[in-house]
Amino acid sequence: MSPWLRIVLCAALAGGCASTGPYVWADSLPASASGSTDGVIIQDGDVVNVRVFNQEPLSTHEKVRPDGKISMPVIGEVTARGKRPAQLASEIQDRLKSVVVAPSVTVTMDAGAELRVSVVGEVRNSGVFQLDHGANVLHALAAAGGLSEYADADKVFVVRKSLPQRVRFRYQDLRSADPKSIAFQLQAGDVVVVE
């Protein structure tokens, strides 16, 4: 074997054994970052029903656009992404006070956009899975058939576009219903990686 080939192989092996990058533990995340513990978080593609009591022309049925916003009659665009329905209702109600006397607003969600999550690595069946809104990491692992025999149960990660980009879980914490681990809700586009 040539010396250059040996060097390249050694470099490749060293790179394969290197750390996969920074992460934060799920139990160190604040509740607001880990998802909702008391309701569903509105995401892009979700369909929301906004009802303004006794003001049907101001009510709407909207799909949350990729920019996270919906369009409301009279008040214009409102950011819906990342909020609970009650939070969105409160914000819309405040904005309507300049137009309507004592507005009463409710926000409900229809069956939302597909919550498609990729699960890769040391699982029995890697792939993209459609899950129910509010699903957590354990739901995604179950959809993928569970951990493979080669999985490191202490190295389960969720990779998300927003910061922090990688959140680490222990499989045992998920199985034992650790409150912080179970409360972490997956979002569309998340990737669950098992090493």
C-alpha atoms as a PDB file:
ATOM      1  CA  MET A   1       0.000   0.000   0.000  1.00  0.00           C
ATOM      2  CA  SER A   2       1.415   3.393  -0.929  1.00  0.00           C
ATOM      3  CA  PRO A   3       2.295   5.833   1.867  1.00  0.00           C
ATOM      4  CA  TRP A   4      -0.174   8.401   0.492  1.00  0.00           C
ATOM      5  CA  LEU A   5      -3.010   5.900   0.535  1.00  0.00           C
ATOM      6  CA  ARG A   6      -2.193   5.064   4.164  1.00  0.00           C
ATOM      7  CA  ILE A   7      -2.265   8.741   5.093  1.00  0.00           C
ATOM      8  CA  VAL A   8      -5.620   9.247   3.365  1.00  0.00           C
ATOM      9  CA  LEU A   9      -7.109   6.169   5.048  1.00  0.00           C
ATOM     10  CA  CYS A  10      -5.824   7.236   8.476  1.00  0.00           C
ATOM     11  CA  ALA A  11      -7.276  10.722   7.983  1.00  0.00           C
ATOM     12  CA  ALA A  12     -10.626   9.252   6.935  1.00  0.00           C
ATOM     13  CA  LEU A  13     -10.700   6.949   9.958  1.00  0.00           C
ATOM     14  CA  ALA A  14      -9.772   9.779  12.311  1.00  0.00           C
ATOM     15  CA  GLY A  15     -12.496  11.960  10.812  1.00  0.00           C
ATOM     16  CA  GLY A  16     -15.060   9.191  11.211  1.00  0.00           C
ATOM     17  CA  CYS A  17     -14.228   8.858  14.898  1.00  0.00           C
ATOM     18  CA  ALA A  18     -14.379  12.581  15.590  1.00  0.00           C
ATOM     19  CA  SER A  19     -17.154  14.208  17.567  1.00  0.00           C
ATOM     20  CA  THR A  20     -20.242  15.086  15.551  1.00  0.00           C
ATOM     21  CA  GLY A  21     -20.283  18.639  16.888  1.00  0.00           C
ATOM     22  CA  PRO A  22     -21.737  20.694  19.707  1.00  0.00           C
ATOM     23  CA  TYR A  23     -25.094  19.910  21.276  1.00  0.00           C
ATOM     24  CA  VAL A  24     -27.229  20.737  24.288  1.00  0.00           C
ATOM     25  CA  TRP A  25     -28.943  18.200  26.532  1.00  0.00           C
ATOM     26  CA  ALA A  26     -32.727  18.157  26.324  1.00  0.00           C
ATOM     27  CA  ASP A  27     -33.047  18.577  30.090  1.00  0.00           C
ATOM     28  CA  SER A  28     -31.077  21.848  29.961  1.00  0.00           C
ATOM     29  CA  LEU A  29     -33.474  23.523  27.512  1.00  0.00           C
ATOM     30  CA  PRO A  30     -35.973  26.063  28.824  1.00  0.00           C
ATOM     31  CA  ALA A  31     -39.600  24.967  28.486  1.00  0.00           C
ATOM     32  CA  SER A  32     -40.198  27.491  25.695  1.00  0.00           C
ATOM     33  CA  ALA A  33     -37.452  25.942  23.552  1.00  0.00           C
ATOM     34  CA  SER A  34     -38.455  22.342  24.119  1.00  0.00           C
ATOM     35  CA  GLY A  35     -41.921  22.682  22.738  1.00  0.00           C
ATOM     36  CA  SER A  36     -45.225  23.011  24.452  1.00  0.00           C
ATOM     37  CA  THR A  37     -46.092  21.372  27.706  1.00  0.00           C
ATOM     38  CA  ASP A  38     -49.631  22.730  27.597  1.00  0.00           C
ATOM     39  CA  GLY A  39     -50.730  22.707  23.993  1.00  0.00           C
ATOM     40  CA  VAL A  40     -49.746  22.547  20.380  1.00  0.00           C
ATOM     41  CA  ILE A  41     -47.339  25.031  18.847  1.00  0.00           C
ATOM     42  CA  ILE A  42     -48.474  26.478  15.511  1.00  0.00           C
ATOM     43  CA  GLN A  43     -46.138  25.651  12.640  1.00  0.00           C
ATOM     44  CA  ASP A  44     -45.827  26.475   8.951  1.00  0.00           C
ATOM     45  CA  GLY A  45     -48.551  24.714   6.987  1.00  0.00           C
ATOM     46  CA  ASP A  46     -50.962  24.428   9.915  1.00  0.00           C
ATOM     47  CA  VAL A  47     -54.522  25.580   9.263  1.00  0.00           C
ATOM     48  CA  VAL A  48     -55.901  27.950  11.877  1.00  0.00           C
ATOM     49  CA  ASN A  49     -59.478  29.091  12.405  1.00  0.00           C
ATOM     50  CA  VAL A  50     -59.636  32.598  13.812  1.00  0.00           C
ATOM     51  CA  ARG A  51     -63.095  33.536  15.073  1.00  0.00           C
ATOM     52  CA  VAL A  52     -63.979  37.028  16.193  1.00  0.00           C
ATOM     53  CA  PHE A  53     -67.208  36.827  18.212  1.00  0.00           C
ATOM     54  CA  ASN A  54     -70.094  38.674  16.515  1.00  0.00           C
ATOM     55  CA  GLN A  55     -67.720  39.912  13.787  1.00  0.00           C
ATOM     56  CA  GLU A  56     -67.835  37.211  11.117  1.00  0.00           C
ATOM     57  CA  PRO A  57     -66.259  39.440   8.415  1.00  0.00           C
ATOM     58  CA  LEU A  58     -63.144  39.667  10.613  1.00  0.00           C
ATOM     59  CA  SER A  59     -62.946  35.910  11.104  1.00  0.00           C
ATOM     60  CA  THR A  60     -60.745  33.782   8.880  1.00  0.00           C
ATOM     61  CA  HIS A  61     -59.638  30.262   8.070  1.00  0.00           C
ATOM     62  CA  GLU A  62     -55.972  30.447   7.031  1.00  0.00           C
ATOM     63  CA  LYS A  63     -53.047  28.188   6.287  1.00  0.00           C
ATOM     64  CA  VAL A  64     -49.832  29.379   7.933  1.00  0.00           C
ATOM     65  CA  ARG A  65     -47.485  30.377   5.129  1.00  0.00           C
ATOM     66  CA  PRO A  66     -43.799  29.355   4.921  1.00  0.00           C
ATOM     67  CA  ASP A  67     -42.883  32.755   6.394  1.00  0.00           C
ATOM     68  CA  GLY A  68     -44.924  31.816   9.499  1.00  0.00           C
ATOM     69  CA  LYS A  69     -47.659  34.397   8.974  1.00  0.00           C
ATOM     70  CA  ILE A  70     -51.387  34.515   8.279  1.00  0.00           C
ATOM     71  CA  SER A  71     -53.404  37.359   6.746  1.00  0.00           C
ATOM     72  CA  MET A  72     -56.250  38.819   8.756  1.00  0.00           C
ATOM     73  CA  PRO A  73     -58.984  41.123   7.473  1.00  0.00           C
ATOM     74  CA  VAL A  74     -58.407  44.750   8.514  1.00  0.00           C
ATOM     75  CA  ILE A  75     -55.274  44.209  10.660  1.00  0.00           C
ATOM     76  CA  GLY A  76     -53.144  42.549   7.976  1.00  0.00           C
ATOM     77  CA  GLU A  77     -50.406  40.026   8.576  1.00  0.00           C
ATOM     78  CA  VAL A  78     -49.879  38.321  11.913  1.00  0.00           C
ATOM     79  CA  THR A  79     -47.044  35.978  12.839  1.00  0.00           C
ATOM     80  CA  ALA A  80     -48.532  32.642  13.916  1.00  0.00           C
ATOM     81  CA  ARG A  81     -45.497  30.322  13.817  1.00  0.00           C
ATOM     82  CA  GLY A  82     -44.129  29.343  17.217  1.00  0.00           C
ATOM     83  CA  LYS A  83     -47.205  30.411  19.176  1.00  0.00           C
ATOM     84  CA  ARG A  84     -49.887  28.461  20.958  1.00  0.00           C
ATOM     85  CA  PRO A  85     -53.443  29.097  19.716  1.00  0.00           C
ATOM     86  CA  ALA A  86     -54.277  31.023  22.913  1.00  0.00           C
ATOM     87  CA  GLN A  87     -51.229  33.273  22.457  1.00  0.00           C
ATOM     88  CA  LEU A  88     -52.175  34.014  18.863  1.00  0.00           C
ATOM     89  CA  ALA A  89     -55.774  34.758  19.884  1.00  0.00           C
ATOM     90  CA  SER A  90     -54.558  37.214  22.526  1.00  0.00           C
ATOM     91  CA  GLU A  91     -52.295  39.018  20.048  1.00  0.00           C
ATOM     92  CA  ILE A  92     -55.061  39.279  17.427  1.00  0.00           C
ATOM     93  CA  GLN A  93     -57.511  40.470  20.076  1.00  0.00           C
ATOM     94  CA  ASP A  94     -55.090  43.238  21.138  1.00  0.00           C
ATOM     95  CA  ARG A  95     -54.596  44.366  17.536  1.00  0.00           C
ATOM     96  CA  LEU A  96     -58.365  44.400  16.902  1.00  0.00           C
ATOM     97  CA  LYS A  97     -59.039  46.748  19.843  1.00  0.00           C
ATOM     98  CA  SER A  98     -58.405  49.732  17.575  1.00  0.00           C
ATOM     99  CA  VAL A  99     -61.171  48.523  15.240  1.00  0.00           C
ATOM    100  CA  VAL A 100     -63.683  46.613  17.394  1.00  0.00           C
ATOM    101  CA  VAL A 101     -65.041  47.433  20.833  1.00  0.00           C
ATOM    102  CA  ALA A 102     -64.122  44.639  23.269  1.00  0.00           C
ATOM    103  CA  PRO A 103     -63.202  41.991  20.689  1.00  0.00           C
ATOM    104  CA  SER A 104     -63.369  38.351  21.712  1.00  0.00           C
ATOM    105  CA  VAL A 105     -61.092  36.092  19.653  1.00  0.00           C
ATOM    106  CA  THR A 106     -60.623  32.334  19.631  1.00  0.00           C
ATOM    107  CA  VAL A 107     -58.072  30.411  17.594  1.00  0.00           C
ATOM    108  CA  THR A 108     -58.399  26.703  16.896  1.00  0.00           C
ATOM    109  CA  MET A 109     -56.406  24.432  14.645  1.00  0.00           C
ATOM    110  CA  ASP A 110     -57.603  22.120  11.916  1.00  0.00           C
ATOM    111  CA  ALA A 111     -55.658  19.046  11.054  1.00  0.00           C
ATOM    112  CA  GLY A 112     -52.375  20.731  10.366  1.00  0.00           C
ATOM    113  CA  ALA A 113     -49.684  20.252   7.861  1.00  0.00           C
ATOM    114  CA  GLU A 114     -47.986  16.937   7.734  1.00  0.00           C
ATOM    115  CA  LEU A 115     -45.471  16.635  10.529  1.00  0.00           C
ATOM    116  CA  ARG A 116     -42.788  14.879   8.526  1.00  0.00           C
ATOM    117  CA  VAL A 117     -39.681  13.923  10.469  1.00  0.00           C
ATOM    118  CA  SER A 118     -36.608  12.058   9.245  1.00  0.00           C
ATOM    119  CA  VAL A 119     -35.111   9.349  11.447  1.00  0.00           C
ATOM    120  CA  VAL A 120     -31.634   8.137  10.523  1.00  0.00           C
ATOM    121  CA  GLY A 121     -28.682   6.274  11.966  1.00  0.00           C
ATOM    122  CA  GLU A 122     -28.830   3.238  14.208  1.00  0.00           C
ATOM    123  CA  VAL A 123     -32.557   2.527  13.989  1.00  0.00           C
ATOM    124  CA  ARG A 124     -34.266  -0.490  12.484  1.00  0.00           C
ATOM    125  CA  ASN A 125     -35.927   1.418   9.615  1.00  0.00           C
ATOM    126  CA  SER A 126     -34.457   4.791   8.633  1.00  0.00           C
ATOM    127  CA  GLY A 127     -36.740   7.063   6.683  1.00  0.00           C
ATOM    128  CA  VAL A 128     -39.127   9.981   6.653  1.00  0.00           C
ATOM    129  CA  PHE A 129     -42.185   9.450   8.838  1.00  0.00           C
ATOM    130  CA  GLN A 130     -45.466  11.322   9.125  1.00  0.00           C
ATOM    131  CA  LEU A 131     -46.326  11.845  12.788  1.00  0.00           C
ATOM    132  CA  ASP A 132     -49.163  13.504  14.672  1.00  0.00           C
ATOM    133  CA  HIS A 133     -48.667  17.054  15.896  1.00  0.00           C
ATOM    134  CA  GLY A 134     -47.332  17.032  19.429  1.00  0.00           C
ATOM    135  CA  ALA A 135     -45.193  13.955  18.717  1.00  0.00           C
ATOM    136  CA  ASN A 136     -41.950  13.650  20.635  1.00  0.00           C
ATOM    137  CA  VAL A 137     -38.659  11.853  19.995  1.00  0.00           C
ATOM    138  CA  LEU A 138     -39.968   8.551  21.358  1.00  0.00           C
ATOM    139  CA  HIS A 139     -42.825   8.625  18.827  1.00  0.00           C
ATOM    140  CA  ALA A 140     -40.328   9.114  15.997  1.00  0.00           C
ATOM    141  CA  LEU A 141     -38.133   6.265  17.241  1.00  0.00           C
ATOM    142  CA  ALA A 142     -41.177   3.996  17.478  1.00  0.00           C
ATOM    143  CA  ALA A 143     -42.139   4.875  13.891  1.00  0.00           C
ATOM    144  CA  ALA A 144     -38.623   3.846  12.841  1.00  0.00           C
ATOM    145  CA  GLY A 145     -38.961   0.477  14.569  1.00  0.00           C
ATOM    146  CA  GLY A 146     -36.831   1.383  17.578  1.00  0.00           C
ATOM    147  CA  LEU A 147     -33.085   1.374  18.089  1.00  0.00           C
ATOM    148  CA  SER A 148     -30.880  -1.106  16.278  1.00  0.00           C
ATOM    149  CA  GLU A 149     -28.677  -3.503  18.219  1.00  0.00           C
ATOM    150  CA  TYR A 150     -25.679  -1.251  17.458  1.00  0.00           C
ATOM    151  CA  ALA A 151     -27.234   1.986  18.719  1.00  0.00           C
ATOM    152  CA  ASP A 152     -25.699   3.986  21.546  1.00  0.00           C
ATOM    153  CA  ALA A 153     -28.796   4.677  23.636  1.00  0.00           C
ATOM    154  CA  ASP A 154     -27.139   7.760  25.148  1.00  0.00           C
ATOM    155  CA  LYS A 155     -26.649   9.367  21.748  1.00  0.00           C
ATOM    156  CA  VAL A 156     -30.047  10.273  20.363  1.00  0.00           C
ATOM    157  CA  PHE A 157     -30.087  13.726  18.757  1.00  0.00           C
ATOM    158  CA  VAL A 158     -32.639  16.032  17.177  1.00  0.00           C
ATOM    159  CA  VAL A 159     -31.201  18.293  14.505  1.00  0.00           C
ATOM    160  CA  ARG A 160     -33.229  21.436  13.897  1.00  0.00           C
ATOM    161  CA  LYS A 161     -32.608  24.502  11.756  1.00  0.00           C
ATOM    162  CA  SER A 162     -33.201  26.854  14.656  1.00  0.00           C
ATOM    163  CA  LEU A 163     -30.790  27.211  17.558  1.00  0.00           C
ATOM    164  CA  PRO A 164     -29.636  25.183  19.330  1.00  0.00           C
ATOM    165  CA  GLN A 165     -29.152  23.068  16.253  1.00  0.00           C
ATOM    166  CA  ARG A 166     -28.569  19.727  18.009  1.00  0.00           C
ATOM    167  CA  VAL A 167     -30.410  18.539  21.102  1.00  0.00           C
ATOM    168  CA  ARG A 168     -29.235  15.351  22.811  1.00  0.00           C
ATOM    169  CA  PHE A 169     -31.421  12.761  24.540  1.00  0.00           C
ATOM    170  CA  ARG A 170     -30.871   9.548  26.468  1.00  0.00           C
ATOM    171  CA  TYR A 171     -33.165   6.749  25.339  1.00  0.00           C
ATOM    172  CA  GLN A 172     -33.702   5.726  28.978  1.00  0.00           C
ATOM    173  CA  ASP A 173     -34.971   9.236  29.802  1.00  0.00           C
ATOM    174  CA  LEU A 174     -37.453   8.993  26.938  1.00  0.00           C
ATOM    175  CA  ARG A 175     -38.653   5.538  27.992  1.00  0.00           C
ATOM    176  CA  SER A 176     -39.000   6.521  31.643  1.00  0.00           C
ATOM    177  CA  ALA A 177     -41.064   9.599  30.675  1.00  0.00           C
ATOM    178  CA  ASP A 178     -38.537  12.150  31.935  1.00  0.00           C
ATOM    179  CA  PRO A 179     -40.602  15.365  31.889  1.00  0.00           C
ATOM    180  CA  LYS A 180     -38.102  17.489  29.927  1.00  0.00           C
ATOM    181  CA  SER A 181     -37.395  14.766  27.367  1.00  0.00           C
ATOM    182  CA  ILE A 182     -41.038  13.886  26.788  1.00  0.00           C
ATOM    183  CA  ALA A 183     -42.118  17.557  26.615  1.00  0.00           C
ATOM    184  CA  PHE A 184     -39.819  18.217  23.648  1.00  0.00           C
ATOM    185  CA  GLN A 185     -42.109  18.364  20.619  1.00  0.00           C
ATOM    186  CA  LEU A 186     -40.840  17.597  17.165  1.00  0.00           C
ATOM    187  CA  GLN A 187     -41.395  20.083  14.378  1.00  0.00           C
ATOM    188  CA  ALA A 188     -41.742  19.588  10.651  1.00  0.00           C
ATOM    189  CA  GLY A 189     -38.322  19.122   9.114  1.00  0.00           C
ATOM    190  CA  ASP A 190     -36.616  17.836  12.259  1.00  0.00           C
ATOM    191  CA  VAL A 191     -34.098  15.043  11.839  1.00  0.00           C
ATOM    192  CA  VAL A 192     -33.693  12.446  14.595  1.00  0.00           C
ATOM    193  CA  VAL A 193     -30.208  10.932  14.531  1.00  0.00           C
ATOM    194  CA  VAL A 194     -29.219   7.860  16.534  1.00  0.00           C
ATOM    195  CA  GLU A 195     -25.500   7.121  16.748  1.00  0.00           C
END
